[in-house]
Amino acid sequence: MIRTKSQDAAFQAIVEASGSKLIADAPIAKGGGSNGFGPHELLEAAIAACLNMSVRMLAADRNLKVSEVRSS
């Protein structure tokens, strides 16, 4: 389960899942402090991580050796 908690800084939030935490914040141009991942960056990161893991799982299922998977 993803949990968020707003912080005193404008638009900043702590995001927590499975014992890990990160800071989300709006960019300065939008009134935030740019002190963490922006909401759109978090969405992009989730998709990129899913694709990365999917490629590695598929390679493992087919006994293919993959030393590194990158996306940008």
C-alpha atoms as a PDB file:
ATOM      1  CA  MET A   1       0.000   0.000   0.000  1.00  0.00           C
ATOM      2  CA  ILE A   2       1.260   3.471  -0.888  1.00  0.00           C
ATOM      3  CA  ARG A   3       0.882   6.095   1.816  1.00  0.00           C
ATOM      4  CA  THR A   4       1.545   9.819   1.606  1.00  0.00           C
ATOM      5  CA  LYS A   5       1.838  12.481   4.272  1.00  0.00           C
ATOM      6  CA  SER A   6       1.941  16.175   3.529  1.00  0.00           C
ATOM      7  CA  GLN A   7       4.842  18.192   4.886  1.00  0.00           C
ATOM      8  CA  ASP A   8       5.095  21.795   6.073  1.00  0.00           C
ATOM      9  CA  ALA A   9       6.780  22.866   2.821  1.00  0.00           C
ATOM     10  CA  ALA A  10       4.298  23.786   0.092  1.00  0.00           C
ATOM     11  CA  PHE A  11       3.289  20.733  -1.971  1.00  0.00           C
ATOM     12  CA  GLN A  12       5.963  18.484  -0.448  1.00  0.00           C
ATOM     13  CA  ALA A  13       4.923  14.993   0.652  1.00  0.00           C
ATOM     14  CA  ILE A  14       6.566  11.891   2.040  1.00  0.00           C
ATOM     15  CA  VAL A  15       5.644   8.790   0.059  1.00  0.00           C
ATOM     16  CA  GLU A  16       6.008   5.450   1.835  1.00  0.00           C
ATOM     17  CA  ALA A  17       5.662   1.866   0.629  1.00  0.00           C
ATOM     18  CA  SER A  18       6.928  -1.383   2.119  1.00  0.00           C
ATOM     19  CA  GLY A  19       9.153   0.431   4.605  1.00  0.00           C
ATOM     20  CA  SER A  20      10.834   2.635   1.983  1.00  0.00           C
ATOM     21  CA  LYS A  21      10.327   6.393   1.846  1.00  0.00           C
ATOM     22  CA  LEU A  22      10.912   9.158  -0.675  1.00  0.00           C
ATOM     23  CA  ILE A  23      10.098  12.841  -1.006  1.00  0.00           C
ATOM     24  CA  ALA A  24       7.717  14.110  -3.646  1.00  0.00           C
ATOM     25  CA  ASP A  25       7.611  17.824  -4.376  1.00  0.00           C
ATOM     26  CA  ALA A  26       6.388  20.177  -7.051  1.00  0.00           C
ATOM     27  CA  PRO A  27       8.927  22.122  -9.101  1.00  0.00           C
ATOM     28  CA  ILE A  28       9.748  25.696  -8.134  1.00  0.00           C
ATOM     29  CA  ALA A  29       7.883  26.976 -11.207  1.00  0.00           C
ATOM     30  CA  LYS A  30       4.707  25.367  -9.809  1.00  0.00           C
ATOM     31  CA  GLY A  31       5.144  26.700  -6.267  1.00  0.00           C
ATOM     32  CA  GLY A  32       7.084  23.799  -4.778  1.00  0.00           C
ATOM     33  CA  GLY A  33      10.670  23.556  -3.669  1.00  0.00           C
ATOM     34  CA  SER A  34      11.974  20.964  -6.144  1.00  0.00           C
ATOM     35  CA  ASN A  35      13.228  18.932  -3.173  1.00  0.00           C
ATOM     36  CA  GLY A  36      12.097  15.565  -4.442  1.00  0.00           C
ATOM     37  CA  PHE A  37      10.596  13.675  -7.336  1.00  0.00           C
ATOM     38  CA  GLY A  38       7.806  15.467  -9.157  1.00  0.00           C
ATOM     39  CA  PRO A  39       4.507  13.601  -9.570  1.00  0.00           C
ATOM     40  CA  HIS A  40       5.082  13.067 -13.302  1.00  0.00           C
ATOM     41  CA  GLU A  41       8.598  11.790 -12.626  1.00  0.00           C
ATOM     42  CA  LEU A  42       7.167   9.218 -10.217  1.00  0.00           C
ATOM     43  CA  LEU A  43       4.748   7.970 -12.868  1.00  0.00           C
ATOM     44  CA  GLU A  44       7.539   7.742 -15.431  1.00  0.00           C
ATOM     45  CA  ALA A  45       9.783   5.974 -12.908  1.00  0.00           C
ATOM     46  CA  ALA A  46       7.070   3.415 -12.154  1.00  0.00           C
ATOM     47  CA  ILE A  47       6.630   2.601 -15.839  1.00  0.00           C
ATOM     48  CA  ALA A  48      10.390   2.436 -16.450  1.00  0.00           C
ATOM     49  CA  ALA A  49      10.939   0.169 -13.430  1.00  0.00           C
ATOM     50  CA  CYS A  50       8.099  -2.114 -14.538  1.00  0.00           C
ATOM     51  CA  LEU A  51       9.543  -2.408 -18.043  1.00  0.00           C
ATOM     52  CA  ASN A  52      13.040  -3.026 -16.685  1.00  0.00           C
ATOM     53  CA  MET A  53      11.868  -5.795 -14.371  1.00  0.00           C
ATOM     54  CA  SER A  54       9.627  -7.322 -17.054  1.00  0.00           C
ATOM     55  CA  VAL A  55      12.520  -7.615 -19.514  1.00  0.00           C
ATOM     56  CA  ARG A  56      14.714  -9.207 -16.846  1.00  0.00           C
ATOM     57  CA  MET A  57      11.983 -11.642 -15.773  1.00  0.00           C
ATOM     58  CA  LEU A  58      11.331 -12.644 -19.373  1.00  0.00           C
ATOM     59  CA  ALA A  59      15.047 -13.183 -19.942  1.00  0.00           C
ATOM     60  CA  ALA A  60      15.292 -15.283 -16.757  1.00  0.00           C
ATOM     61  CA  ASP A  61      12.277 -17.388 -17.807  1.00  0.00           C
ATOM     62  CA  ARG A  62      14.007 -18.117 -21.112  1.00  0.00           C
ATOM     63  CA  ASN A  63      17.426 -18.708 -19.527  1.00  0.00           C
ATOM     64  CA  LEU A  64      18.911 -15.745 -21.365  1.00  0.00           C
ATOM     65  CA  LYS A  65      21.850 -14.022 -19.719  1.00  0.00           C
ATOM     66  CA  VAL A  66      21.264 -10.281 -19.475  1.00  0.00           C
ATOM     67  CA  SER A  67      23.957  -8.264 -17.747  1.00  0.00           C
ATOM     68  CA  GLU A  68      22.143  -4.936 -17.682  1.00  0.00           C
ATOM     69  CA  VAL A  69      18.840  -3.399 -18.762  1.00  0.00           C
ATOM     70  CA  ARG A  70      18.517   0.363 -19.201  1.00  0.00           C
ATOM     71  CA  SER A  71      15.806   2.719 -20.334  1.00  0.00           C
ATOM     72  CA  SER A  72      15.675   6.460 -20.827  1.00  0.00           C
END
